[in-house]
Amino acid sequence: MLTYTYVEHGKFELQEKPKPGIIDSRDAIVRVTLGSICTSDLHIKHGSVPRAVPGTTVGHEMVGVVEEIGADVTSVRPGDRVTVNVETFCGECFFCKRGYVNNCTDPNGGWALGCRIDGGQAEYVRVPYADQGLSRIPDTVSDEQALFVGDVLATGFWATRISEISEDDTVLVIGAGPTGICTLLCVMLKKP
């Protein structure tokens, strides 16, 4: 399959790689139907992500169709349309139990997809911890709409949540890219 891969500092290239397979019973294989580029992908290219592993297919913003699941996956089935969470997480470590899944201590946890393990700028992606990392897309929602859920909208929602915004607050959102706009929309739900 064709992948967009981090080769070395300053260099990405299209490469052929084998289709991923199930490694752990909690994995799912997703056929990617739509993906997008994140500024974090550019940070990898420019060398600002020291944990990024050369040879890794980039991409952590994607939607697709579940092709295969491991024996312990219960939340999705083959054929389900899904959005992929930017963070993969075990759900069991100190950080996961407290809701800080970006700090998951598992080697496949936190920001692993497209940074330390092959991500979604490919035809297929292996998603560890599929029960936590995949959400079914309702039939009334297009892939284009669902694409925002896995990272861009989730980032705005999380920023709003941890900011503990009340109606008495004044809020400044710096940046008006997709994440800034999604953050603004989530902030508006708090009616500051």
N, C-alpha and C. Protein backbone atom coordinates (compact mmCIF):
# COMPACT_ATOMS: atom_id res chain seq x y z
N MET A 1 0.85 -1.18 0.00
CA MET A 1 0.00 0.00 0.00
C MET A 1 0.89 1.24 0.00
N LEU A 2 0.36 2.33 -0.48
CA LEU A 2 1.10 3.58 -0.56
C LEU A 2 0.97 4.34 0.77
N THR A 3 2.10 4.85 1.29
CA THR A 3 2.11 5.57 2.57
C THR A 3 2.92 6.85 2.42
N TYR A 4 2.62 7.83 3.29
CA TYR A 4 3.40 9.05 3.36
C TYR A 4 4.24 8.94 4.63
N THR A 5 5.54 8.83 4.47
CA THR A 5 6.41 8.37 5.54
C THR A 5 7.49 9.39 5.87
N TYR A 6 7.73 9.53 7.20
CA TYR A 6 8.82 10.35 7.71
C TYR A 6 10.12 9.59 7.50
N VAL A 7 11.02 10.13 6.69
CA VAL A 7 12.26 9.45 6.36
C VAL A 7 13.39 9.90 7.29
N GLU A 8 13.55 11.22 7.38
CA GLU A 8 14.58 11.82 8.22
C GLU A 8 14.25 13.29 8.40
N HIS A 9 15.00 13.95 9.26
CA HIS A 9 14.76 15.38 9.50
C HIS A 9 14.62 16.11 8.16
N GLY A 10 13.48 16.77 7.98
CA GLY A 10 13.23 17.56 6.79
C GLY A 10 12.75 16.79 5.57
N LYS A 11 12.53 15.46 5.72
CA LYS A 11 12.19 14.69 4.54
C LYS A 11 11.07 13.68 4.80
N PHE A 12 10.00 13.81 4.03
CA PHE A 12 8.92 12.84 3.95
C PHE A 12 8.95 12.30 2.51
N GLU A 13 8.44 11.09 2.31
CA GLU A 13 8.28 10.60 0.94
C GLU A 13 7.20 9.55 0.88
N LEU A 14 6.65 9.37 -0.34
CA LEU A 14 5.69 8.30 -0.58
C LEU A 14 6.46 6.99 -0.65
N GLN A 15 6.00 6.00 0.12
CA GLN A 15 6.66 4.70 0.13
C GLN A 15 5.61 3.60 0.05
N GLU A 16 6.01 2.48 -0.49
CA GLU A 16 5.19 1.27 -0.47
C GLU A 16 5.50 0.50 0.81
N LYS A 17 4.45 0.11 1.53
CA LYS A 17 4.60 -0.71 2.73
C LYS A 17 3.53 -1.79 2.68
N PRO A 18 3.74 -2.89 3.41
CA PRO A 18 2.68 -3.91 3.47
C PRO A 18 1.48 -3.42 4.27
N LYS A 19 0.32 -3.92 3.94
CA LYS A 19 -0.89 -3.62 4.71
C LYS A 19 -0.66 -4.10 6.15
N PRO A 20 -1.03 -3.28 7.15
CA PRO A 20 -0.82 -3.71 8.53
C PRO A 20 -1.75 -4.85 8.92
N GLY A 21 -1.34 -5.58 9.93
CA GLY A 21 -2.15 -6.68 10.44
C GLY A 21 -2.37 -6.53 11.94
N ILE A 22 -3.23 -7.35 12.47
CA ILE A 22 -3.50 -7.37 13.91
C ILE A 22 -2.24 -7.87 14.62
N ILE A 23 -1.79 -7.12 15.61
CA ILE A 23 -0.63 -7.51 16.43
C ILE A 23 -1.08 -7.92 17.83
N ASP A 24 -2.08 -7.20 18.34
CA ASP A 24 -2.60 -7.42 19.69
C ASP A 24 -4.10 -7.66 19.58
N SER A 25 -4.67 -8.40 20.51
CA SER A 25 -6.09 -8.73 20.47
C SER A 25 -7.00 -7.51 20.62
N ARG A 26 -6.43 -6.37 20.99
CA ARG A 26 -7.21 -5.13 21.15
C ARG A 26 -7.07 -4.20 19.95
N ASP A 27 -6.41 -4.65 18.89
CA ASP A 27 -6.19 -3.85 17.67
C ASP A 27 -7.39 -3.93 16.73
N ALA A 28 -7.48 -2.92 15.87
CA ALA A 28 -8.37 -2.96 14.71
C ALA A 28 -7.59 -2.47 13.50
N ILE A 29 -7.95 -2.99 12.34
CA ILE A 29 -7.40 -2.49 11.08
C ILE A 29 -8.50 -1.67 10.42
N VAL A 30 -8.17 -0.44 10.06
CA VAL A 30 -9.13 0.49 9.46
C VAL A 30 -8.65 0.84 8.06
N ARG A 31 -9.56 0.72 7.08
CA ARG A 31 -9.30 1.22 5.73
C ARG A 31 -9.58 2.71 5.74
N VAL A 32 -8.58 3.51 5.50
CA VAL A 32 -8.70 4.96 5.58
C VAL A 32 -9.46 5.48 4.36
N THR A 33 -10.54 6.22 4.62
CA THR A 33 -11.31 6.80 3.52
C THR A 33 -11.06 8.29 3.38
N LEU A 34 -10.59 8.93 4.45
CA LEU A 34 -10.29 10.36 4.41
C LEU A 34 -9.34 10.68 5.55
N GLY A 35 -8.34 11.47 5.26
CA GLY A 35 -7.39 11.90 6.29
C GLY A 35 -7.01 13.35 6.05
N SER A 36 -6.36 13.94 7.02
CA SER A 36 -5.89 15.30 6.85
C SER A 36 -4.51 15.45 7.48
N ILE A 37 -3.90 16.57 7.19
CA ILE A 37 -2.58 16.87 7.71
C ILE A 37 -2.75 17.71 8.97
N CYS A 38 -1.94 17.44 9.97
CA CYS A 38 -1.93 18.22 11.20
C CYS A 38 -0.61 19.01 11.25
N THR A 39 -0.65 20.14 11.89
CA THR A 39 0.58 20.90 12.09
C THR A 39 1.62 20.05 12.80
N SER A 40 1.18 19.10 13.62
CA SER A 40 2.12 18.20 14.30
C SER A 40 2.93 17.39 13.29
N ASP A 41 2.32 17.04 12.16
CA ASP A 41 3.07 16.34 11.11
C ASP A 41 4.22 17.23 10.61
N LEU A 42 3.94 18.51 10.47
CA LEU A 42 4.98 19.44 10.04
C LEU A 42 6.05 19.60 11.12
N HIS A 43 5.62 19.55 12.39
CA HIS A 43 6.61 19.61 13.48
C HIS A 43 7.57 18.43 13.38
N ILE A 44 7.05 17.26 13.04
CA ILE A 44 7.93 16.09 12.84
C ILE A 44 8.93 16.38 11.73
N LYS A 45 8.44 16.88 10.61
CA LYS A 45 9.32 17.15 9.47
C LYS A 45 10.43 18.13 9.85
N HIS A 46 10.09 19.12 10.66
CA HIS A 46 11.06 20.15 11.01
C HIS A 46 11.93 19.79 12.21
N GLY A 47 11.76 18.58 12.74
CA GLY A 47 12.62 18.11 13.81
C GLY A 47 12.22 18.53 15.21
N SER A 48 11.00 19.04 15.39
CA SER A 48 10.59 19.49 16.73
C SER A 48 9.92 18.41 17.56
N VAL A 49 9.89 17.18 17.07
CA VAL A 49 9.29 16.08 17.83
C VAL A 49 10.37 15.00 17.99
N PRO A 50 11.16 15.09 19.05
CA PRO A 50 12.28 14.15 19.18
C PRO A 50 11.85 12.69 19.31
N ARG A 51 10.61 12.43 19.73
CA ARG A 51 10.14 11.04 19.86
C ARG A 51 9.70 10.44 18.54
N ALA A 52 9.60 11.25 17.49
CA ALA A 52 9.19 10.74 16.18
C ALA A 52 10.24 9.76 15.66
N VAL A 53 9.77 8.65 15.14
CA VAL A 53 10.66 7.57 14.68
C VAL A 53 10.76 7.61 13.16
N PRO A 54 11.98 7.82 12.63
CA PRO A 54 12.13 7.75 11.17
C PRO A 54 11.62 6.41 10.64
N GLY A 55 10.99 6.47 9.47
CA GLY A 55 10.41 5.27 8.87
C GLY A 55 8.94 5.08 9.22
N THR A 56 8.41 5.97 10.06
CA THR A 56 7.01 5.89 10.48
C THR A 56 6.12 6.62 9.49
N THR A 57 5.03 5.99 9.10
CA THR A 57 4.01 6.63 8.29
C THR A 57 3.32 7.67 9.17
N VAL A 58 3.26 8.92 8.70
CA VAL A 58 2.66 9.98 9.51
C VAL A 58 1.14 9.95 9.38
N GLY A 59 0.50 10.80 10.17
CA GLY A 59 -0.94 10.98 10.10
C GLY A 59 -1.68 10.43 11.29
N HIS A 60 -2.44 11.31 11.94
CA HIS A 60 -3.27 10.89 13.07
C HIS A 60 -4.67 11.52 13.02
N GLU A 61 -5.03 12.06 11.88
CA GLU A 61 -6.38 12.61 11.67
C GLU A 61 -6.99 11.86 10.50
N MET A 62 -7.93 10.94 10.82
CA MET A 62 -8.48 10.11 9.75
C MET A 62 -9.83 9.51 10.14
N VAL A 63 -10.56 9.13 9.12
CA VAL A 63 -11.78 8.34 9.28
C VAL A 63 -11.68 7.17 8.29
N GLY A 64 -12.48 6.14 8.54
CA GLY A 64 -12.43 5.00 7.65
C GLY A 64 -13.45 3.95 8.00
N VAL A 65 -13.20 2.77 7.48
CA VAL A 65 -14.10 1.63 7.68
C VAL A 65 -13.30 0.50 8.33
N VAL A 66 -13.85 -0.06 9.40
CA VAL A 66 -13.18 -1.16 10.09
C VAL A 66 -13.15 -2.37 9.16
N GLU A 67 -11.96 -2.90 8.94
CA GLU A 67 -11.77 -4.07 8.09
C GLU A 67 -11.62 -5.35 8.92
N GLU A 68 -10.95 -5.24 10.06
CA GLU A 68 -10.64 -6.42 10.86
C GLU A 68 -10.49 -5.97 12.31
N ILE A 69 -10.87 -6.86 13.25
CA ILE A 69 -10.71 -6.56 14.67
C ILE A 69 -10.04 -7.73 15.38
N GLY A 70 -9.34 -7.38 16.46
CA GLY A 70 -8.76 -8.40 17.31
C GLY A 70 -9.85 -9.06 18.16
N ALA A 71 -9.50 -10.18 18.76
CA ALA A 71 -10.47 -11.00 19.51
C ALA A 71 -11.09 -10.27 20.70
N ASP A 72 -10.40 -9.29 21.27
CA ASP A 72 -10.92 -8.60 22.46
C ASP A 72 -11.59 -7.26 22.16
N VAL A 73 -11.77 -6.91 20.91
CA VAL A 73 -12.43 -5.65 20.55
C VAL A 73 -13.94 -5.87 20.58
N THR A 74 -14.66 -5.00 21.31
CA THR A 74 -16.11 -5.16 21.47
C THR A 74 -16.93 -3.97 20.98
N SER A 75 -16.30 -2.81 20.78
CA SER A 75 -17.08 -1.60 20.49
C SER A 75 -17.35 -1.37 19.01
N VAL A 76 -16.60 -2.02 18.14
CA VAL A 76 -16.79 -1.87 16.69
C VAL A 76 -16.73 -3.24 16.03
N ARG A 77 -17.27 -3.29 14.82
CA ARG A 77 -17.27 -4.52 14.03
C ARG A 77 -16.80 -4.19 12.61
N PRO A 78 -16.30 -5.19 11.88
CA PRO A 78 -15.97 -4.94 10.47
C PRO A 78 -17.17 -4.36 9.73
N GLY A 79 -16.88 -3.36 8.91
CA GLY A 79 -17.93 -2.67 8.16
C GLY A 79 -18.37 -1.37 8.81
N ASP A 80 -18.06 -1.16 10.09
CA ASP A 80 -18.43 0.10 10.77
C ASP A 80 -17.59 1.25 10.22
N ARG A 81 -18.26 2.37 9.95
CA ARG A 81 -17.54 3.62 9.64
C ARG A 81 -17.11 4.22 10.97
N VAL A 82 -15.84 4.65 11.03
CA VAL A 82 -15.31 5.14 12.30
C VAL A 82 -14.44 6.37 12.12
N THR A 83 -14.34 7.12 13.20
CA THR A 83 -13.33 8.16 13.31
C THR A 83 -12.27 7.63 14.26
N VAL A 84 -11.02 8.00 13.99
CA VAL A 84 -9.89 7.51 14.78
C VAL A 84 -9.42 8.62 15.71
N ASN A 85 -9.32 8.30 16.98
CA ASN A 85 -8.85 9.26 17.98
C ASN A 85 -7.37 9.54 17.76
N VAL A 86 -6.97 10.80 17.93
CA VAL A 86 -5.56 11.17 17.82
C VAL A 86 -4.71 10.45 18.86
N GLU A 87 -5.26 10.15 20.01
CA GLU A 87 -4.53 9.48 21.08
C GLU A 87 -4.97 8.03 21.16
N THR A 88 -4.01 7.12 21.19
CA THR A 88 -4.31 5.73 21.52
C THR A 88 -3.95 5.58 23.00
N PHE A 89 -4.75 4.80 23.72
CA PHE A 89 -4.47 4.72 25.16
C PHE A 89 -4.97 3.42 25.76
N CYS A 90 -4.22 2.95 26.75
CA CYS A 90 -4.49 1.65 27.36
C CYS A 90 -5.71 1.66 28.27
N GLY A 91 -5.99 2.79 28.89
CA GLY A 91 -7.12 2.89 29.81
C GLY A 91 -6.82 2.36 31.20
N GLU A 92 -5.62 1.85 31.43
CA GLU A 92 -5.28 1.21 32.70
C GLU A 92 -4.20 1.92 33.50
N CYS A 93 -3.34 2.68 32.87
CA CYS A 93 -2.21 3.29 33.58
C CYS A 93 -2.67 4.47 34.45
N PHE A 94 -1.78 4.98 35.25
CA PHE A 94 -2.05 6.10 36.15
C PHE A 94 -2.71 7.26 35.40
N PHE A 95 -2.13 7.65 34.26
CA PHE A 95 -2.64 8.81 33.53
C PHE A 95 -3.99 8.54 32.87
N CYS A 96 -4.14 7.37 32.28
CA CYS A 96 -5.41 7.03 31.63
C CYS A 96 -6.56 7.02 32.63
N LYS A 97 -6.33 6.45 33.80
CA LYS A 97 -7.38 6.38 34.82
C LYS A 97 -7.81 7.76 35.30
N ARG A 98 -6.99 8.76 35.10
CA ARG A 98 -7.31 10.13 35.52
C ARG A 98 -7.73 11.02 34.35
N GLY A 99 -7.85 10.41 33.16
CA GLY A 99 -8.33 11.15 32.00
C GLY A 99 -7.25 11.85 31.19
N TYR A 100 -5.99 11.65 31.52
CA TYR A 100 -4.89 12.29 30.79
C TYR A 100 -4.29 11.29 29.80
N VAL A 101 -5.11 10.88 28.84
CA VAL A 101 -4.73 9.80 27.93
C VAL A 101 -3.55 10.16 27.05
N ASN A 102 -3.31 11.46 26.85
CA ASN A 102 -2.16 11.86 26.05
C ASN A 102 -0.84 11.48 26.73
N ASN A 103 -0.88 11.19 28.02
CA ASN A 103 0.32 10.79 28.76
C ASN A 103 0.36 9.29 29.02
N CYS A 104 -0.46 8.51 28.34
CA CYS A 104 -0.49 7.06 28.52
C CYS A 104 0.94 6.52 28.49
N THR A 105 1.25 5.66 29.44
CA THR A 105 2.61 5.14 29.56
C THR A 105 2.88 3.92 28.69
N ASP A 106 1.86 3.38 28.03
CA ASP A 106 2.05 2.23 27.14
C ASP A 106 2.85 2.67 25.91
N PRO A 107 3.74 1.82 25.41
CA PRO A 107 4.51 2.20 24.22
C PRO A 107 3.64 2.56 23.00
N ASN A 108 2.42 2.01 22.91
CA ASN A 108 1.51 2.35 21.82
C ASN A 108 0.49 3.40 22.24
N GLY A 109 0.72 4.04 23.39
CA GLY A 109 -0.24 5.01 23.91
C GLY A 109 0.21 6.44 23.73
N GLY A 110 -0.72 7.36 24.03
CA GLY A 110 -0.46 8.78 23.84
C GLY A 110 -0.45 9.09 22.35
N TRP A 111 0.37 10.03 21.95
CA TRP A 111 0.47 10.33 20.52
C TRP A 111 1.45 9.35 19.90
N ALA A 112 0.93 8.18 19.58
CA ALA A 112 1.75 7.14 18.95
C ALA A 112 1.50 7.10 17.45
N LEU A 113 0.22 7.16 17.05
CA LEU A 113 -0.13 7.05 15.63
C LEU A 113 0.53 8.18 14.83
N GLY A 114 1.32 7.80 13.86
CA GLY A 114 1.95 8.79 13.00
C GLY A 114 3.15 9.46 13.61
N CYS A 115 3.57 8.99 14.77
CA CYS A 115 4.74 9.55 15.44
C CYS A 115 5.74 8.45 15.78
N ARG A 116 5.25 7.42 16.49
CA ARG A 116 6.11 6.30 16.87
C ARG A 116 5.68 4.98 16.22
N ILE A 117 4.41 4.91 15.80
CA ILE A 117 3.92 3.76 15.04
C ILE A 117 3.20 4.29 13.81
N ASP A 118 3.11 3.46 12.78
CA ASP A 118 2.54 3.91 11.51
C ASP A 118 1.15 4.48 11.70
N GLY A 119 0.94 5.65 11.07
CA GLY A 119 -0.32 6.36 11.16
C GLY A 119 -1.16 6.25 9.90
N GLY A 120 -2.04 7.22 9.72
CA GLY A 120 -3.11 7.12 8.75
C GLY A 120 -2.93 7.81 7.42
N GLN A 121 -1.74 8.33 7.10
CA GLN A 121 -1.52 8.82 5.74
C GLN A 121 -1.15 7.61 4.88
N ALA A 122 -2.11 6.70 4.81
CA ALA A 122 -1.93 5.41 4.16
C ALA A 122 -3.30 4.87 3.78
N GLU A 123 -3.31 3.76 3.10
CA GLU A 123 -4.57 3.14 2.73
C GLU A 123 -5.22 2.40 3.91
N TYR A 124 -4.38 1.89 4.81
CA TYR A 124 -4.86 1.17 6.00
C TYR A 124 -4.02 1.58 7.19
N VAL A 125 -4.63 1.48 8.37
CA VAL A 125 -3.91 1.80 9.61
C VAL A 125 -4.31 0.79 10.69
N ARG A 126 -3.32 0.38 11.48
CA ARG A 126 -3.59 -0.45 12.66
C ARG A 126 -3.80 0.50 13.83
N VAL A 127 -4.95 0.35 14.50
CA VAL A 127 -5.28 1.21 15.63
C VAL A 127 -5.22 0.37 16.92
N PRO A 128 -4.19 0.59 17.76
CA PRO A 128 -4.15 -0.09 19.05
C PRO A 128 -5.29 0.37 19.94
N TYR A 129 -5.70 -0.48 20.86
CA TYR A 129 -6.76 -0.13 21.83
C TYR A 129 -7.99 0.41 21.11
N ALA A 130 -8.47 -0.35 20.14
CA ALA A 130 -9.57 0.09 19.28
C ALA A 130 -10.82 0.46 20.08
N ASP A 131 -11.07 -0.19 21.21
CA ASP A 131 -12.27 0.14 21.99
C ASP A 131 -12.22 1.56 22.52
N GLN A 132 -11.05 2.08 22.78
CA GLN A 132 -10.92 3.46 23.24
C GLN A 132 -10.66 4.44 22.09
N GLY A 133 -10.06 3.94 21.00
CA GLY A 133 -9.58 4.82 19.96
C GLY A 133 -10.46 4.99 18.74
N LEU A 134 -11.56 4.24 18.66
CA LEU A 134 -12.45 4.35 17.51
C LEU A 134 -13.86 4.72 17.96
N SER A 135 -14.50 5.59 17.21
CA SER A 135 -15.90 5.94 17.46
C SER A 135 -16.68 5.74 16.17
N ARG A 136 -17.83 5.05 16.28
CA ARG A 136 -18.67 4.85 15.10
C ARG A 136 -19.23 6.18 14.61
N ILE A 137 -19.33 6.31 13.30
CA ILE A 137 -19.87 7.51 12.67
C ILE A 137 -21.33 7.23 12.32
N PRO A 138 -22.26 8.07 12.79
CA PRO A 138 -23.67 7.89 12.40
C PRO A 138 -23.85 8.04 10.90
N ASP A 139 -24.84 7.37 10.34
CA ASP A 139 -25.10 7.42 8.91
C ASP A 139 -25.40 8.83 8.42
N THR A 140 -25.89 9.70 9.30
CA THR A 140 -26.25 11.06 8.91
C THR A 140 -25.05 12.00 8.88
N VAL A 141 -23.86 11.50 9.25
CA VAL A 141 -22.65 12.32 9.30
C VAL A 141 -21.71 11.86 8.19
N SER A 142 -21.23 12.82 7.39
CA SER A 142 -20.31 12.50 6.29
C SER A 142 -18.89 12.29 6.83
N ASP A 143 -18.05 11.67 6.03
CA ASP A 143 -16.65 11.53 6.40
C ASP A 143 -16.01 12.89 6.63
N GLU A 144 -16.34 13.86 5.78
CA GLU A 144 -15.78 15.20 5.91
C GLU A 144 -16.14 15.83 7.25
N GLN A 145 -17.38 15.64 7.70
CA GLN A 145 -17.80 16.17 9.00
C GLN A 145 -17.12 15.41 10.14
N ALA A 146 -17.05 14.10 10.03
CA ALA A 146 -16.49 13.27 11.10
C ALA A 146 -14.99 13.45 11.26
N LEU A 147 -14.31 13.86 10.20
CA LEU A 147 -12.86 14.01 10.25
C LEU A 147 -12.41 14.95 11.38
N PHE A 148 -13.24 15.93 11.71
CA PHE A 148 -12.88 16.88 12.76
C PHE A 148 -12.87 16.26 14.16
N VAL A 149 -13.60 15.17 14.35
CA VAL A 149 -13.80 14.63 15.70
C VAL A 149 -12.52 14.09 16.32
N GLY A 150 -11.70 13.39 15.55
CA GLY A 150 -10.55 12.69 16.10
C GLY A 150 -9.46 13.55 16.68
N ASP A 151 -9.29 14.78 16.18
CA ASP A 151 -8.21 15.63 16.69
C ASP A 151 -8.62 17.09 16.79
N VAL A 152 -9.01 17.70 15.69
CA VAL A 152 -9.23 19.15 15.66
C VAL A 152 -10.34 19.57 16.64
N LEU A 153 -11.50 18.95 16.54
CA LEU A 153 -12.60 19.29 17.45
C LEU A 153 -12.29 18.79 18.86
N ALA A 154 -11.70 17.62 18.96
CA ALA A 154 -11.36 17.07 20.29
C ALA A 154 -10.39 17.99 21.02
N THR A 155 -9.44 18.58 20.30
CA THR A 155 -8.48 19.49 20.92
C THR A 155 -9.19 20.73 21.45
N GLY A 156 -10.10 21.29 20.66
CA GLY A 156 -10.86 22.46 21.10
C GLY A 156 -11.75 22.14 22.29
N PHE A 157 -12.37 20.97 22.27
CA PHE A 157 -13.23 20.55 23.38
C PHE A 157 -12.41 20.37 24.65
N TRP A 158 -11.27 19.68 24.53
CA TRP A 158 -10.41 19.44 25.69
C TRP A 158 -9.89 20.76 26.26
N ALA A 159 -9.44 21.66 25.40
CA ALA A 159 -8.94 22.96 25.88
C ALA A 159 -10.03 23.70 26.64
N THR A 160 -11.25 23.66 26.12
CA THR A 160 -12.37 24.32 26.79
C THR A 160 -12.65 23.66 28.14
N ARG A 161 -12.65 22.35 28.15
CA ARG A 161 -12.96 21.61 29.38
C ARG A 161 -11.94 21.89 30.49
N ILE A 162 -10.65 21.82 30.17
CA ILE A 162 -9.65 22.00 31.22
C ILE A 162 -9.49 23.46 31.64
N SER A 163 -10.04 24.37 30.85
CA SER A 163 -9.96 25.79 31.20
C SER A 163 -11.00 26.21 32.22
N GLU A 164 -11.95 25.35 32.52
CA GLU A 164 -12.98 25.62 33.53
C GLU A 164 -13.65 26.97 33.31
N ILE A 165 -14.09 27.21 32.10
CA ILE A 165 -14.70 28.48 31.70
C ILE A 165 -16.09 28.59 32.29
N SER A 166 -16.40 29.78 32.80
CA SER A 166 -17.75 30.05 33.32
C SER A 166 -18.34 31.24 32.56
N GLU A 167 -19.61 31.51 32.83
CA GLU A 167 -20.29 32.63 32.16
C GLU A 167 -19.73 33.98 32.60
N ASP A 168 -19.01 34.03 33.69
CA ASP A 168 -18.41 35.28 34.16
C ASP A 168 -17.06 35.59 33.51
N ASP A 169 -16.55 34.67 32.72
CA ASP A 169 -15.21 34.81 32.14
C ASP A 169 -15.23 35.52 30.80
N THR A 170 -14.08 36.11 30.47
CA THR A 170 -13.79 36.59 29.13
C THR A 170 -12.71 35.68 28.59
N VAL A 171 -12.88 35.21 27.37
CA VAL A 171 -11.96 34.23 26.81
C VAL A 171 -11.32 34.77 25.54
N LEU A 172 -10.02 34.55 25.42
CA LEU A 172 -9.29 34.90 24.21
C LEU A 172 -8.76 33.62 23.60
N VAL A 173 -9.10 33.37 22.35
CA VAL A 173 -8.56 32.23 21.61
C VAL A 173 -7.56 32.80 20.62
N ILE A 174 -6.31 32.38 20.75
CA ILE A 174 -5.26 32.87 19.86
C ILE A 174 -5.09 31.86 18.73
N GLY A 175 -5.31 32.32 17.51
CA GLY A 175 -5.20 31.45 16.34
C GLY A 175 -6.58 31.18 15.76
N ALA A 176 -6.68 31.30 14.45
CA ALA A 176 -7.97 31.12 13.78
C ALA A 176 -7.89 30.07 12.69
N GLY A 177 -7.02 29.10 12.88
CA GLY A 177 -7.00 27.95 11.98
C GLY A 177 -8.12 27.01 12.38
N PRO A 178 -8.15 25.81 11.81
CA PRO A 178 -9.22 24.87 12.13
C PRO A 178 -9.34 24.56 13.63
N THR A 179 -8.20 24.37 14.30
CA THR A 179 -8.26 24.06 15.73
C THR A 179 -8.74 25.27 16.53
N GLY A 180 -8.28 26.46 16.17
CA GLY A 180 -8.72 27.67 16.85
C GLY A 180 -10.22 27.90 16.68
N ILE A 181 -10.73 27.66 15.48
CA ILE A 181 -12.17 27.83 15.23
C ILE A 181 -12.97 26.80 16.02
N CYS A 182 -12.51 25.54 16.04
CA CYS A 182 -13.21 24.52 16.82
C CYS A 182 -13.14 24.83 18.31
N THR A 183 -12.03 25.38 18.76
CA THR A 183 -11.91 25.79 20.16
C THR A 183 -12.91 26.91 20.46
N LEU A 184 -13.00 27.89 19.58
CA LEU A 184 -13.96 28.97 19.76
C LEU A 184 -15.39 28.44 19.84
N LEU A 185 -15.75 27.52 18.95
CA LEU A 185 -17.10 26.96 18.97
C LEU A 185 -17.38 26.24 20.29
N CYS A 186 -16.38 25.50 20.80
CA CYS A 186 -16.56 24.81 22.09
C CYS A 186 -16.64 25.80 23.23
N VAL A 187 -15.82 26.85 23.19
CA VAL A 187 -15.85 27.88 24.23
C VAL A 187 -17.23 28.54 24.27
N MET A 188 -17.81 28.79 23.09
CA MET A 188 -19.12 29.45 23.03
C MET A 188 -20.20 28.63 23.73
N LEU A 189 -20.03 27.32 23.81
CA LEU A 189 -21.00 26.47 24.54
C LEU A 189 -21.03 26.80 26.03
N LYS A 190 -19.94 27.37 26.55
CA LYS A 190 -19.85 27.75 27.96
C LYS A 190 -20.44 29.15 28.23
N LYS A 191 -20.77 29.87 27.19
CA LYS A 191 -21.39 31.21 27.25
C LYS A 191 -20.61 32.20 28.09
N PRO A 192 -19.30 32.35 27.84
CA PRO A 192 -18.54 33.34 28.61
C PRO A 192 -18.93 34.76 28.22
